N, C-alpha and C. Protein backbone atom coordinates (compact mmCIF):
# COMPACT_ATOMS: atom_id res chain seq x y z
N UNK A 1 0.81 -1.19 0.00
CA UNK A 1 0.00 0.00 0.00
C UNK A 1 0.85 1.26 0.00
N UNK A 2 2.06 1.16 0.50
CA UNK A 2 2.93 2.32 0.57
C UNK A 2 3.25 2.86 -0.82
N UNK A 3 3.39 1.99 -1.80
CA UNK A 3 3.71 2.44 -3.15
C UNK A 3 2.56 3.22 -3.77
N UNK A 4 1.34 2.82 -3.50
CA UNK A 4 0.18 3.50 -4.06
C UNK A 4 0.01 4.89 -3.48
N UNK A 5 0.52 5.12 -2.28
CA UNK A 5 0.36 6.41 -1.63
C UNK A 5 1.38 7.44 -2.09
N UNK A 6 2.43 7.01 -2.78
CA UNK A 6 3.45 7.94 -3.25
C UNK A 6 2.88 8.84 -4.33
N UNK A 7 3.19 10.10 -4.23
CA UNK A 7 2.74 11.07 -5.24
C UNK A 7 3.87 11.29 -6.23
N UNK A 8 3.55 11.28 -7.48
CA UNK A 8 4.54 11.50 -8.51
C UNK A 8 4.20 12.73 -9.31
N UNK A 9 5.19 13.54 -9.61
CA UNK A 9 4.95 14.71 -10.44
C UNK A 9 5.11 14.36 -11.92
N UNK A 10 5.57 13.18 -12.18
CA UNK A 10 5.75 12.74 -13.56
C UNK A 10 4.39 12.65 -14.25
N UNK A 11 4.27 13.30 -15.37
CA UNK A 11 3.05 13.24 -16.15
C UNK A 11 2.07 14.36 -15.86
N UNK A 12 2.27 15.15 -14.83
CA UNK A 12 1.34 16.24 -14.52
C UNK A 12 1.31 17.28 -15.64
N UNK A 13 2.47 17.64 -16.14
CA UNK A 13 2.53 18.63 -17.21
C UNK A 13 1.82 18.12 -18.46
N UNK A 14 2.00 16.84 -18.76
CA UNK A 14 1.34 16.25 -19.91
C UNK A 14 -0.17 16.25 -19.72
N UNK A 15 -0.61 15.98 -18.48
CA UNK A 15 -2.04 15.93 -18.20
C UNK A 15 -2.67 17.31 -18.35
N UNK A 16 -1.97 18.34 -17.92
CA UNK A 16 -2.50 19.70 -18.03
C UNK A 16 -2.55 20.18 -19.47
N UNK A 17 -1.80 19.54 -20.33
CA UNK A 17 -1.76 19.94 -21.73
C UNK A 17 -2.89 19.32 -22.53
N UNK A 18 -3.78 18.60 -21.88
CA UNK A 18 -4.88 17.91 -22.56
C UNK A 18 -6.22 18.33 -21.97
N UNK A 19 -7.26 18.26 -22.79
CA UNK A 19 -8.63 18.50 -22.34
C UNK A 19 -9.36 17.18 -22.40
N UNK A 20 -9.84 16.72 -21.25
CA UNK A 20 -10.62 15.48 -21.21
C UNK A 20 -12.06 15.83 -21.58
N UNK A 21 -12.44 15.53 -22.80
CA UNK A 21 -13.78 15.87 -23.29
C UNK A 21 -14.91 15.20 -22.54
N UNK A 22 -14.62 14.11 -21.86
CA UNK A 22 -15.65 13.39 -21.11
C UNK A 22 -15.79 13.85 -19.67
N UNK A 23 -14.92 14.74 -19.23
CA UNK A 23 -14.96 15.24 -17.85
C UNK A 23 -15.68 16.59 -17.84
N UNK A 24 -16.83 16.63 -17.16
CA UNK A 24 -17.64 17.85 -17.14
C UNK A 24 -16.87 19.06 -16.61
N UNK A 25 -16.09 18.84 -15.56
CA UNK A 25 -15.38 19.98 -14.96
C UNK A 25 -14.32 20.54 -15.89
N UNK A 26 -13.68 19.69 -16.67
CA UNK A 26 -12.66 20.19 -17.61
C UNK A 26 -13.32 20.93 -18.77
N UNK A 27 -14.43 20.40 -19.25
CA UNK A 27 -15.15 21.04 -20.34
C UNK A 27 -15.70 22.40 -19.87
N UNK A 28 -16.26 22.42 -18.65
CA UNK A 28 -16.80 23.67 -18.09
C UNK A 28 -15.69 24.71 -17.90
N UNK A 29 -14.54 24.27 -17.43
CA UNK A 29 -13.40 25.18 -17.23
C UNK A 29 -12.98 25.79 -18.56
N UNK A 30 -12.84 24.96 -19.56
CA UNK A 30 -12.40 25.44 -20.87
C UNK A 30 -13.45 26.35 -21.49
N UNK A 31 -14.72 26.03 -21.29
CA UNK A 31 -15.80 26.86 -21.82
C UNK A 31 -15.78 28.24 -21.17
N UNK A 32 -15.60 28.28 -19.87
CA UNK A 32 -15.55 29.56 -19.16
C UNK A 32 -14.31 30.36 -19.57
N UNK A 33 -13.20 29.67 -19.72
CA UNK A 33 -11.94 30.31 -20.07
C UNK A 33 -12.01 30.96 -21.46
N UNK A 34 -12.65 30.28 -22.40
CA UNK A 34 -12.70 30.78 -23.77
C UNK A 34 -13.96 31.57 -24.08
N UNK A 35 -14.95 31.52 -23.17
CA UNK A 35 -16.19 32.24 -23.40
C UNK A 35 -17.12 31.55 -24.38
N UNK A 36 -16.91 30.27 -24.57
CA UNK A 36 -17.76 29.49 -25.49
C UNK A 36 -18.61 28.51 -24.69
N UNK A 37 -19.52 27.82 -25.36
CA UNK A 37 -20.39 26.86 -24.68
C UNK A 37 -19.67 25.53 -24.48
N UNK A 38 -20.20 24.73 -23.57
CA UNK A 38 -19.63 23.40 -23.33
C UNK A 38 -19.74 22.53 -24.58
N UNK A 39 -20.84 22.68 -25.30
CA UNK A 39 -21.03 21.91 -26.54
C UNK A 39 -19.96 22.27 -27.57
N UNK A 40 -19.62 23.55 -27.64
CA UNK A 40 -18.59 24.00 -28.58
C UNK A 40 -17.23 23.41 -28.21
N UNK A 41 -16.96 23.33 -26.91
CA UNK A 41 -15.69 22.75 -26.46
C UNK A 41 -15.63 21.27 -26.84
N UNK A 42 -16.71 20.54 -26.57
CA UNK A 42 -16.74 19.10 -26.91
C UNK A 42 -16.57 18.90 -28.41
N UNK A 43 -17.21 19.75 -29.20
CA UNK A 43 -17.10 19.65 -30.65
C UNK A 43 -15.67 19.91 -31.11
N UNK A 44 -15.02 20.89 -30.48
CA UNK A 44 -13.64 21.22 -30.82
C UNK A 44 -12.70 20.07 -30.45
N UNK A 45 -12.96 19.43 -29.30
CA UNK A 45 -12.13 18.28 -28.88
C UNK A 45 -12.28 17.15 -29.89
N UNK A 46 -13.49 16.92 -30.36
CA UNK A 46 -13.71 15.87 -31.37
C UNK A 46 -13.01 16.20 -32.68
N UNK A 47 -13.04 17.48 -33.05
CA UNK A 47 -12.49 17.90 -34.34
C UNK A 47 -10.96 17.91 -34.37
N UNK A 48 -10.32 18.49 -33.33
CA UNK A 48 -8.87 18.68 -33.38
C UNK A 48 -8.09 17.79 -32.41
N UNK A 49 -8.80 17.02 -31.58
CA UNK A 49 -8.11 16.17 -30.61
C UNK A 49 -8.12 16.83 -29.24
N UNK A 50 -7.43 16.21 -28.28
CA UNK A 50 -7.53 16.69 -26.91
C UNK A 50 -6.38 17.60 -26.48
N UNK A 51 -5.58 18.07 -27.39
CA UNK A 51 -4.51 19.00 -27.07
C UNK A 51 -5.12 20.35 -26.68
N UNK A 52 -4.79 20.84 -25.49
CA UNK A 52 -5.38 22.09 -24.99
C UNK A 52 -5.08 23.27 -25.91
N UNK A 53 -3.86 23.33 -26.43
CA UNK A 53 -3.51 24.46 -27.30
C UNK A 53 -4.31 24.43 -28.60
N UNK A 54 -4.49 23.25 -29.17
CA UNK A 54 -5.26 23.13 -30.41
C UNK A 54 -6.73 23.44 -30.18
N UNK A 55 -7.27 22.97 -29.04
CA UNK A 55 -8.67 23.24 -28.73
C UNK A 55 -8.88 24.74 -28.53
N UNK A 56 -7.98 25.39 -27.78
CA UNK A 56 -8.12 26.83 -27.54
C UNK A 56 -7.97 27.62 -28.84
N UNK A 57 -7.07 27.18 -29.71
CA UNK A 57 -6.89 27.84 -31.00
C UNK A 57 -8.15 27.72 -31.84
N UNK A 58 -8.75 26.54 -31.83
CA UNK A 58 -9.97 26.29 -32.58
C UNK A 58 -11.13 27.15 -32.04
N UNK A 59 -11.24 27.26 -30.73
CA UNK A 59 -12.32 28.02 -30.12
C UNK A 59 -12.10 29.52 -30.22
N UNK A 60 -10.88 29.92 -30.37
CA UNK A 60 -10.54 31.33 -30.41
C UNK A 60 -10.80 31.99 -31.75
N UNK A 61 -11.20 31.22 -32.73
CA UNK A 61 -11.42 31.77 -34.07
C UNK A 61 -12.54 32.77 -34.11
């Protein structure tokens, strides 16, 4: 059990660079950040993938 309790910083940066389209809180955060609707964020994730920079670029048009 001790191994499972260890916190690792490995992968955190990679995780922040992605938008999980199936997670309501991530979609809501991105929608609020860009001023677009949650549906628009989900559509952008489907269109360009889950890269946060690509999604924001797509929504920023």
